[in-house]
Amino acid sequence: MPPIEVMSQPNIAALADHGHTNALYRPNTVNEGNIDGAIDHSFTSAKAPSSAAFPHHMRLRSRRPSKSASINDASSPQRLSPKRNVILNTRNPVIIWLAKNELHLSLFLLAIAHSCYWAGYEWPSLWIRMQHKSTLADNHAVESHRYVRGVHDIKFVCYWVVQIIAARSILLHHVLPAIPRCLGITNDRRERRFCEMGWSMLYILSSWCIGFRVWQTSPYFMSTQNMYVNYPDDHVVMPYGLKWFYLVQTAFWLSNVYTIHVEERRKDHNEMLAHHVVTITLVLCSYAFHFTRFGHVFMLVMDFPDIFLSAAKMFRYLGYDLLPNALFGVFSVSWVVTKHWLCLKMMISIWTQGTTSVPLEKRYPAYPNSYASYPIVGCLWFVLCLLQVILLYWFYLILKVLQKVLIKGEDADDNRSDDEDVEEEESTVVEDGLDSGIDTSSNCSM
């Protein structure tokens, strides 16, 4: 076999002009009688030409990096596992591990607590049952039990955080996905978002009904003046239902701080995190200052519009058009009435009635367990104003959606907390790219 001659740089440039530049760097072994392999070997053995050897129009240009993050970026979304419809936007190993094992871990902790409780140990009762029962309580009926606050309330809240995470994981990944699948919906993003909104609506609707029932049987039902009557003597001791509702709601908001990090990142992730922190601060402060009646009614007012928003999004992800628009209209009206008008009325009531209706001898710091004073109420006002700033920003986004519906005739699509991938088709491209390993950074914004 005659020797193969190494091609000169002009010949290499000619091959590059005909689209054969990949052969310059493709490794291959030389087999006797295989002229193609010998040519490839001769190309790889030649010194790679510098860019100056090529004419300007023949030089190879590297692809410019995309402005969006690549698929290996720490902020890029990744599928949690092939069997679970979960997209994470973090590479934090702790969050990934918690997202993968949240159900097994929560059920394991609950199984230990209840097994020890049934076995007769005393320590699980500090977590499972509410503590700090008042000595003035009537022991004949659960509804007449009255409680005070105490350090063991932290254990009860932690227990309910674990329970809420377990219930969310079961509904989100094992129960609710059956609904869109039965309706023939195969889009992963729509199924995932439907399940998230389904869990949100089920919890908020259930907790709101329980809280409304507690409020309906209370002496301050539909009366802001009675929320501060005989403060603080009648406010230090709480009925069973009021304390249970307060502590479970605290657990729910604490669990939300966790869940927004194990879900696909939303466009308003930072605003949502700030909202949760402000809400938790408000709940804890009102609980510590014995303004639980105010906090109870305030949570009912704030949660009411979210029922319609979750329902509207659920029907939208199921493919309906008219019903989500109607529900979004109800949500928009209820938002203005509750989160702005009623909220402002309650802010005025705690500033006026929460201080002036309390006698001077029962105000802070002269009277024990009393926090009725303008500096302390001013702290609550500051937190409420922070909450209003976030709500006003979201209301601005709601007005933009209403403008699309009423003026442009488009469908209602609340963009306050949707995924960072704006279009549904783009999200599908992202998920396909995650599964196949292609770079979709040029197709959509992350």
Protein backbone atom coordinates (compact mmCIF):
# COMPACT_ATOMS: atom_id res chain seq x y z
CA MET A 1 0.00 0.00 0.00
CA PRO A 2 1.54 3.33 -1.03
CA PRO A 3 2.13 5.86 1.75
CA ILE A 4 -0.48 8.48 2.39
CA GLU A 5 0.72 12.01 1.87
CA VAL A 6 -0.20 14.63 4.43
CA MET A 7 -2.19 17.40 2.81
CA SER A 8 -0.85 20.91 2.77
CA GLN A 9 -2.57 23.88 4.39
CA PRO A 10 -4.14 25.17 1.14
CA ASN A 11 -5.71 21.75 0.56
CA ILE A 12 -6.98 21.73 4.11
CA ALA A 13 -8.49 25.15 3.55
CA ALA A 14 -10.17 23.82 0.41
CA LEU A 15 -11.73 20.99 2.41
CA ALA A 16 -12.88 23.50 5.03
CA ASP A 17 -14.58 25.44 2.26
CA HIS A 18 -16.52 22.30 1.30
CA GLY A 19 -17.74 21.63 4.84
CA HIS A 20 -15.22 18.95 5.87
CA THR A 21 -13.65 20.80 8.78
CA ASN A 22 -14.90 18.18 11.25
CA ALA A 23 -12.44 15.66 9.77
CA LEU A 24 -9.54 17.79 10.89
CA TYR A 25 -10.12 16.88 14.53
CA ARG A 26 -11.94 13.53 14.38
CA PRO A 27 -9.75 10.77 15.89
CA ASN A 28 -9.76 7.47 14.08
CA THR A 29 -7.53 4.43 13.78
CA VAL A 30 -5.79 3.42 10.55
CA ASN A 31 -6.89 0.01 9.32
CA GLU A 32 -5.00 -1.62 6.44
CA GLY A 33 -7.09 -1.43 3.31
CA ASN A 34 -9.32 1.30 4.76
CA ILE A 35 -8.43 4.35 2.75
CA ASP A 36 -11.02 6.53 4.61
CA GLY A 37 -9.49 5.72 7.97
CA ALA A 38 -6.03 6.45 6.59
CA ILE A 39 -7.14 9.83 5.33
CA ASP A 40 -8.70 10.63 8.71
CA HIS A 41 -5.49 9.59 10.41
CA SER A 42 -3.41 11.75 8.14
CA PHE A 43 -5.65 14.71 8.92
CA THR A 44 -5.39 14.23 12.68
CA SER A 45 -1.63 13.80 12.49
CA ALA A 46 -1.28 17.13 10.69
CA LYS A 47 -0.75 20.24 12.75
CA ALA A 48 -3.97 22.18 13.15
CA PRO A 49 -3.68 25.32 11.05
CA SER A 50 -3.93 28.70 12.67
CA SER A 51 -6.82 30.99 11.88
CA ALA A 52 -4.45 33.22 9.92
CA ALA A 53 -3.97 30.45 7.30
CA PHE A 54 -7.62 30.73 6.27
CA PRO A 55 -9.18 33.59 4.36
CA HIS A 56 -11.43 35.80 6.45
CA HIS A 57 -14.64 34.26 5.13
CA MET A 58 -13.38 30.71 5.84
CA ARG A 59 -12.40 31.20 9.47
CA LEU A 60 -14.36 29.20 12.03
CA ARG A 61 -16.28 31.33 14.49
CA SER A 62 -17.25 30.10 17.94
CA ARG A 63 -20.89 30.36 18.90
CA ARG A 64 -21.64 33.36 21.04
CA PRO A 65 -22.86 32.39 24.52
CA SER A 66 -26.56 32.91 25.09
CA LYS A 67 -27.74 35.57 27.47
CA SER A 68 -29.85 32.98 29.25
CA ALA A 69 -28.37 30.45 31.60
CA SER A 70 -27.31 27.15 30.11
CA ILE A 71 -28.78 23.84 31.14
CA ASN A 72 -25.90 23.25 33.55
CA ASP A 73 -26.27 26.62 35.23
CA ALA A 74 -27.14 26.58 38.92
CA SER A 75 -30.32 28.54 38.29
CA SER A 76 -31.50 26.42 35.35
CA PRO A 77 -34.45 24.10 35.89
CA GLN A 78 -33.93 20.39 36.27
CA ARG A 79 -36.36 17.51 36.53
CA LEU A 80 -36.30 15.94 39.97
CA SER A 81 -36.74 12.38 38.71
CA PRO A 82 -38.21 10.64 35.64
CA LYS A 83 -41.19 9.40 37.67
CA ARG A 84 -42.12 12.67 39.35
CA ASN A 85 -43.40 15.76 37.60
CA VAL A 86 -41.26 18.18 39.60
CA ILE A 87 -39.01 20.90 38.16
CA LEU A 88 -36.40 22.53 40.42
CA ASN A 89 -34.44 25.70 39.74
CA THR A 90 -31.67 25.01 42.20
CA ARG A 91 -28.56 22.87 42.51
CA ASN A 92 -28.58 23.07 46.31
CA PRO A 93 -28.10 19.46 47.46
CA VAL A 94 -30.11 19.99 50.65
CA ILE A 95 -33.18 21.29 48.80
CA ILE A 96 -32.90 18.55 46.17
CA TRP A 97 -32.65 15.88 48.86
CA LEU A 98 -35.64 17.28 50.75
CA ALA A 99 -37.69 17.48 47.55
CA LYS A 100 -36.91 13.85 46.74
CA ASN A 101 -37.56 12.50 50.23
CA GLU A 102 -40.16 14.88 51.70
CA LEU A 103 -42.96 12.31 51.77
CA HIS A 104 -40.88 9.45 53.19
CA LEU A 105 -39.23 11.72 55.75
CA SER A 106 -42.48 13.32 56.92
CA LEU A 107 -44.32 9.99 57.14
CA PHE A 108 -41.37 8.49 59.02
CA LEU A 109 -41.43 11.31 61.60
CA LEU A 110 -45.21 11.08 61.97
CA ALA A 111 -45.02 7.29 62.37
CA ILE A 112 -42.44 7.60 65.16
CA ALA A 113 -44.47 10.24 67.01
CA HIS A 114 -47.77 8.37 66.82
CA SER A 115 -46.23 4.96 67.60
CA CYS A 116 -44.63 6.32 70.76
CA TYR A 117 -47.88 8.12 71.61
CA TRP A 118 -49.91 4.92 71.31
CA ALA A 119 -47.24 3.04 73.27
CA GLY A 120 -47.88 5.30 76.25
CA TYR A 121 -44.89 7.64 76.13
CA GLU A 122 -45.52 11.17 77.30
CA TRP A 123 -43.22 13.20 75.03
CA PRO A 124 -45.29 12.76 71.80
CA SER A 125 -48.31 14.40 73.43
CA LEU A 126 -46.31 17.65 73.66
CA TRP A 127 -46.16 17.63 69.85
CA ILE A 128 -49.48 16.07 68.86
CA ARG A 129 -51.85 17.70 71.38
CA MET A 130 -52.19 21.39 72.21
CA GLN A 131 -50.71 22.29 75.56
CA HIS A 132 -51.07 25.08 78.14
CA LYS A 133 -54.67 24.54 79.06
CA SER A 134 -56.11 27.25 81.26
CA THR A 135 -56.91 26.34 84.85
CA LEU A 136 -60.31 27.98 84.41
CA ALA A 137 -61.26 25.60 81.59
CA ASP A 138 -64.34 23.45 81.68
CA ASN A 139 -63.38 19.79 81.26
CA HIS A 140 -66.80 18.56 80.15
CA ALA A 141 -66.55 19.46 76.45
CA VAL A 142 -63.71 20.00 74.03
CA GLU A 143 -65.39 23.10 72.60
CA SER A 144 -65.34 24.78 76.00
CA HIS A 145 -61.62 24.18 76.54
CA ARG A 146 -59.67 27.39 76.90
CA TYR A 147 -55.94 27.73 76.46
CA VAL A 148 -53.15 30.23 76.99
CA ARG A 149 -49.98 30.60 74.98
CA GLY A 150 -46.77 28.81 75.99
CA VAL A 151 -43.43 27.44 74.82
CA HIS A 152 -44.89 24.07 73.83
CA ASP A 153 -46.88 25.78 71.09
CA ILE A 154 -43.67 25.66 69.02
CA LYS A 155 -43.75 21.85 69.10
CA PHE A 156 -47.38 21.77 68.03
CA VAL A 157 -46.59 24.09 65.10
CA CYS A 158 -43.62 21.94 64.03
CA TYR A 159 -45.80 18.83 64.15
CA TRP A 160 -48.35 20.46 61.86
CA VAL A 161 -45.63 21.67 59.48
CA VAL A 162 -44.66 18.03 58.97
CA GLN A 163 -48.31 17.01 58.58
CA ILE A 164 -49.01 19.72 56.00
CA ILE A 165 -45.91 18.80 53.98
CA ALA A 166 -46.97 15.14 54.00
CA ALA A 167 -50.55 15.97 52.96
CA ARG A 168 -49.30 18.26 50.20
CA SER A 169 -46.92 15.63 48.85
CA ILE A 170 -49.63 12.94 48.79
CA LEU A 171 -52.18 15.14 47.04
CA LEU A 172 -49.68 16.78 44.70
CA HIS A 173 -47.98 13.65 43.43
CA HIS A 174 -50.41 10.78 43.98
CA VAL A 175 -54.03 12.03 44.02
CA LEU A 176 -54.53 15.22 42.03
CA PRO A 177 -52.57 14.15 38.89
CA ALA A 178 -55.32 11.64 38.15
CA ILE A 179 -57.78 14.45 37.29
CA PRO A 180 -55.96 15.99 34.30
CA ARG A 181 -54.87 12.55 33.10
CA CYS A 182 -58.46 11.34 33.05
CA LEU A 183 -59.36 14.41 30.98
CA GLY A 184 -56.66 13.61 28.43
CA ILE A 185 -54.19 16.34 29.37
CA THR A 186 -50.65 15.20 28.55
CA ASN A 187 -48.74 18.46 28.99
CA ASP A 188 -46.46 18.07 32.00
CA ARG A 189 -46.46 21.74 32.90
CA ARG A 190 -50.24 22.03 32.85
CA GLU A 191 -50.57 18.92 35.00
CA ARG A 192 -47.96 20.16 37.45
CA ARG A 193 -49.51 23.61 37.79
CA PHE A 194 -53.02 22.14 38.09
CA CYS A 195 -51.90 19.99 41.02
CA GLU A 196 -50.21 22.93 42.73
CA MET A 197 -53.31 25.09 42.40
CA GLY A 198 -55.50 22.15 43.48
CA TRP A 199 -53.56 21.73 46.70
CA SER A 200 -53.69 25.47 47.33
CA MET A 201 -57.44 25.65 46.80
CA LEU A 202 -58.19 22.57 48.92
CA TYR A 203 -56.21 23.82 51.88
CA ILE A 204 -57.34 27.45 51.73
CA LEU A 205 -60.99 26.47 51.29
CA SER A 206 -60.85 23.99 54.18
CA SER A 207 -59.00 26.30 56.55
CA TRP A 208 -61.21 29.26 55.63
CA CYS A 209 -64.39 27.29 56.38
CA ILE A 210 -62.99 26.16 59.74
CA GLY A 211 -61.84 29.68 60.59
CA PHE A 212 -65.17 31.15 59.55
CA ARG A 213 -67.00 28.68 61.80
CA VAL A 214 -64.79 29.70 64.74
CA TRP A 215 -65.46 33.35 63.96
CA GLN A 216 -69.22 32.74 63.62
CA THR A 217 -69.44 31.31 67.14
CA SER A 218 -67.25 34.02 68.68
CA PRO A 219 -68.41 37.20 70.48
CA TYR A 220 -66.61 39.40 67.92
CA PHE A 221 -68.46 38.09 64.86
CA MET A 222 -69.05 41.00 62.44
CA SER A 223 -67.95 43.52 65.08
CA THR A 224 -64.57 45.25 65.14
CA GLN A 225 -65.37 46.87 68.48
CA ASN A 226 -65.74 43.48 70.18
CA MET A 227 -62.30 42.45 68.96
CA TYR A 228 -60.84 44.69 71.71
CA VAL A 229 -63.49 44.48 74.43
CA ASN A 230 -62.07 43.78 77.91
CA TYR A 231 -58.52 43.65 76.61
CA PRO A 232 -56.34 41.93 77.78
CA ASP A 233 -58.23 39.88 80.36
CA ASP A 234 -60.51 38.09 77.90
CA HIS A 235 -57.76 37.83 75.27
CA VAL A 236 -55.07 36.03 77.24
CA VAL A 237 -57.27 32.94 77.37
CA MET A 238 -58.31 31.59 73.96
CA PRO A 239 -60.96 29.04 72.99
CA TYR A 240 -59.74 25.71 71.67
CA GLY A 241 -60.84 26.44 68.11
CA LEU A 242 -59.18 29.85 67.95
CA LYS A 243 -55.80 28.62 69.19
CA TRP A 244 -55.90 25.54 66.96
CA PHE A 245 -56.70 27.66 63.90
CA TYR A 246 -53.98 30.16 64.76
CA LEU A 247 -51.24 27.57 65.25
CA VAL A 248 -52.17 25.51 62.19
CA GLN A 249 -52.21 28.63 60.02
CA THR A 250 -48.78 29.50 61.37
CA ALA A 251 -47.59 26.03 60.38
CA PHE A 252 -49.07 26.48 56.90
CA TRP A 253 -47.23 29.73 56.26
CA LEU A 254 -44.00 28.26 57.57
CA SER A 255 -44.41 25.28 55.25
CA ASN A 256 -44.95 27.69 52.34
CA VAL A 257 -41.45 29.06 52.85
CA TYR A 258 -40.23 25.53 52.19
CA THR A 259 -42.57 24.67 49.32
CA ILE A 260 -41.73 27.71 47.17
CA HIS A 261 -38.15 26.40 47.07
CA VAL A 262 -39.11 22.87 45.97
CA GLU A 263 -41.42 24.05 43.19
CA GLU A 264 -40.60 25.50 39.79
CA ARG A 265 -39.45 29.06 40.29
CA ARG A 266 -42.12 31.70 39.64
CA LYS A 267 -41.68 35.16 38.18
CA ASP A 268 -42.55 36.74 41.52
CA HIS A 269 -40.54 34.35 43.68
CA ASN A 270 -38.90 37.13 45.69
CA GLU A 271 -42.21 38.94 46.22
CA MET A 272 -43.88 35.70 47.30
CA LEU A 273 -41.07 34.95 49.76
CA ALA A 274 -41.32 38.47 51.17
CA HIS A 275 -45.11 38.05 51.46
CA HIS A 276 -44.69 34.82 53.44
CA VAL A 277 -42.11 36.36 55.77
CA VAL A 278 -44.30 39.42 56.39
CA THR A 279 -47.37 37.24 57.00
CA ILE A 280 -45.52 35.00 59.45
CA THR A 281 -44.22 38.08 61.27
CA LEU A 282 -47.72 39.52 61.51
CA VAL A 283 -49.20 36.25 62.79
CA LEU A 284 -46.50 35.78 65.41
CA CYS A 285 -46.65 39.39 66.60
CA SER A 286 -50.44 39.38 66.94
CA TYR A 287 -50.19 36.07 68.83
CA ALA A 288 -47.49 37.40 71.17
CA PHE A 289 -49.33 40.70 71.81
CA HIS A 290 -52.68 38.97 72.49
CA PHE A 291 -54.33 40.48 69.41
CA THR A 292 -55.46 37.03 68.28
CA ARG A 293 -59.01 38.15 67.52
CA PHE A 294 -57.68 40.77 65.14
CA GLY A 295 -55.31 38.27 63.57
CA HIS A 296 -58.04 35.66 63.22
CA VAL A 297 -60.35 37.96 61.25
CA PHE A 298 -57.46 39.39 59.27
CA MET A 299 -56.42 35.93 58.02
CA LEU A 300 -60.00 35.19 56.94
CA VAL A 301 -60.13 38.46 55.02
CA MET A 302 -56.80 37.88 53.31
CA ASP A 303 -57.47 34.24 52.30
CA PHE A 304 -60.92 34.71 50.78
CA PRO A 305 -59.92 35.92 47.26
CA ASP A 306 -57.27 33.22 46.88
CA ILE A 307 -60.00 30.58 46.69
CA PHE A 308 -61.29 32.07 43.41
CA LEU A 309 -57.79 32.56 42.02
CA SER A 310 -56.81 28.93 42.62
CA ALA A 311 -60.08 27.70 41.13
CA ALA A 312 -59.66 29.95 38.05
CA LYS A 313 -56.15 28.64 37.44
CA MET A 314 -57.25 25.03 37.90
CA PHE A 315 -59.94 25.32 35.23
CA ARG A 316 -57.56 27.18 32.96
CA TYR A 317 -55.01 24.37 33.12
CA LEU A 318 -57.82 21.93 32.35
CA GLY A 319 -58.43 23.75 29.08
CA TYR A 320 -61.53 25.82 29.88
CA ASP A 321 -61.87 29.43 28.71
CA LEU A 322 -65.12 31.03 29.89
CA LEU A 323 -65.19 29.72 33.47
CA PRO A 324 -61.62 30.86 34.34
CA ASN A 325 -62.43 34.35 33.01
CA ALA A 326 -65.55 34.53 35.16
CA LEU A 327 -63.72 33.29 38.26
CA PHE A 328 -60.89 35.72 37.64
CA GLY A 329 -63.43 38.54 37.52
CA VAL A 330 -64.85 37.47 40.88
CA PHE A 331 -61.33 37.19 42.23
CA SER A 332 -60.44 40.72 41.06
CA VAL A 333 -63.50 42.26 42.72
CA SER A 334 -63.00 40.31 45.95
CA TRP A 335 -59.32 41.30 45.94
CA VAL A 336 -60.17 45.00 46.03
CA VAL A 337 -62.89 44.53 48.66
CA THR A 338 -60.90 42.32 51.04
CA LYS A 339 -57.18 42.95 50.60
CA HIS A 340 -57.48 46.71 50.29
CA TRP A 341 -60.77 48.11 51.56
CA LEU A 342 -61.44 45.72 54.47
CA CYS A 343 -57.74 45.54 55.24
CA LEU A 344 -57.60 49.32 55.53
CA LYS A 345 -60.64 49.30 57.80
CA MET A 346 -59.00 46.75 60.08
CA MET A 347 -55.78 48.76 60.15
CA ILE A 348 -57.77 51.80 61.25
CA SER A 349 -59.67 49.77 63.84
CA ILE A 350 -56.55 48.45 65.56
CA TRP A 351 -55.00 51.92 65.60
CA THR A 352 -58.10 53.56 67.08
CA GLN A 353 -60.22 50.96 68.86
CA GLY A 354 -57.22 48.81 69.77
CA THR A 355 -55.81 51.64 71.87
CA THR A 356 -58.50 54.18 72.76
CA SER A 357 -61.06 51.52 73.78
CA VAL A 358 -58.62 50.12 76.34
CA PRO A 359 -58.64 52.02 79.64
CA LEU A 360 -55.43 53.78 80.59
CA GLU A 361 -54.94 51.58 83.64
CA LYS A 362 -54.98 48.48 81.38
CA ARG A 363 -52.50 49.71 78.84
CA TYR A 364 -48.86 48.79 78.40
CA PRO A 365 -46.74 48.68 80.52
CA ALA A 366 -48.83 49.32 83.62
CA TYR A 367 -51.07 46.26 83.25
CA PRO A 368 -49.77 42.66 83.04
CA ASN A 369 -50.16 40.90 79.67
CA SER A 370 -51.27 44.16 78.08
CA TYR A 371 -49.63 45.45 74.89
CA ALA A 372 -52.17 48.15 74.06
CA SER A 373 -49.95 51.13 73.29
CA TYR A 374 -49.21 53.23 70.24
CA PRO A 375 -45.57 52.08 69.89
CA ILE A 376 -46.56 48.39 69.83
CA VAL A 377 -49.56 48.96 67.58
CA GLY A 378 -47.24 51.07 65.42
CA CYS A 379 -45.02 47.99 64.94
CA LEU A 380 -48.05 46.05 63.74
CA TRP A 381 -48.94 48.93 61.45
CA PHE A 382 -45.47 48.88 59.94
CA VAL A 383 -45.80 45.18 59.11
CA LEU A 384 -49.29 45.76 57.69
CA CYS A 385 -47.96 48.57 55.50
CA LEU A 386 -45.24 46.29 54.15
CA LEU A 387 -47.91 43.76 53.30
CA GLN A 388 -49.95 46.43 51.52
CA VAL A 389 -46.97 47.39 49.38
CA ILE A 390 -46.70 43.82 48.10
CA LEU A 391 -50.46 43.60 47.58
CA LEU A 392 -50.50 46.87 45.64
CA TYR A 393 -47.77 45.57 43.34
CA TRP A 394 -49.80 42.43 42.67
CA PHE A 395 -52.92 44.53 42.14
CA TYR A 396 -51.05 46.44 39.44
CA LEU A 397 -50.38 43.13 37.68
CA ILE A 398 -54.04 42.18 38.06
CA LEU A 399 -55.06 45.44 36.38
CA LYS A 400 -52.79 44.58 33.45
CA VAL A 401 -54.59 41.24 33.09
CA LEU A 402 -57.99 42.94 33.23
CA GLN A 403 -56.82 45.34 30.54
CA LYS A 404 -56.04 42.40 28.27
CA VAL A 405 -59.46 40.87 28.92
CA LEU A 406 -61.65 43.96 28.71
CA ILE A 407 -59.83 45.96 26.03
CA LYS A 408 -57.95 43.44 23.92
CA GLY A 409 -60.46 40.60 24.37
CA GLU A 410 -57.85 38.05 25.42
CA ASP A 411 -58.29 35.32 28.02
CA ALA A 412 -57.54 36.03 31.66
CA ASP A 413 -54.12 34.73 32.61
CA ASP A 414 -52.95 35.95 35.99
CA ASN A 415 -49.24 36.66 35.68
CA ARG A 416 -48.61 37.43 39.35
CA SER A 417 -47.12 34.05 40.19
CA ASP A 418 -46.89 32.08 36.99
CA ASP A 419 -43.78 30.21 35.97
CA GLU A 420 -40.80 32.15 34.75
CA ASP A 421 -41.32 30.54 31.34
CA VAL A 422 -43.96 32.85 29.92
CA GLU A 423 -45.44 30.73 27.15
CA GLU A 424 -46.75 27.22 27.60
CA GLU A 425 -45.05 26.05 24.42
CA GLU A 426 -41.73 27.42 25.62
CA SER A 427 -42.06 25.56 28.91
CA THR A 428 -42.64 22.35 27.00
CA VAL A 429 -39.47 22.97 25.00
CA VAL A 430 -37.56 23.51 28.23
CA GLU A 431 -38.80 20.27 29.74
CA ASP A 432 -38.04 18.31 26.56
CA GLY A 433 -34.58 19.81 26.56
CA LEU A 434 -34.01 18.77 30.16
CA ASP A 435 -34.95 15.21 29.34
CA SER A 436 -32.84 14.97 26.17
CA GLY A 437 -29.92 17.15 27.28
CA ILE A 438 -30.18 19.83 24.59
CA ASP A 439 -29.52 23.49 25.27
CA THR A 440 -32.75 25.46 25.21
CA SER A 441 -31.31 28.69 26.49
CA SER A 442 -31.81 30.33 23.11
CA ASN A 443 -35.45 29.30 22.89
CA CYS A 444 -36.84 30.78 26.06
CA SER A 445 -35.97 33.02 28.91
CA MET A 446 -35.23 31.47 32.24
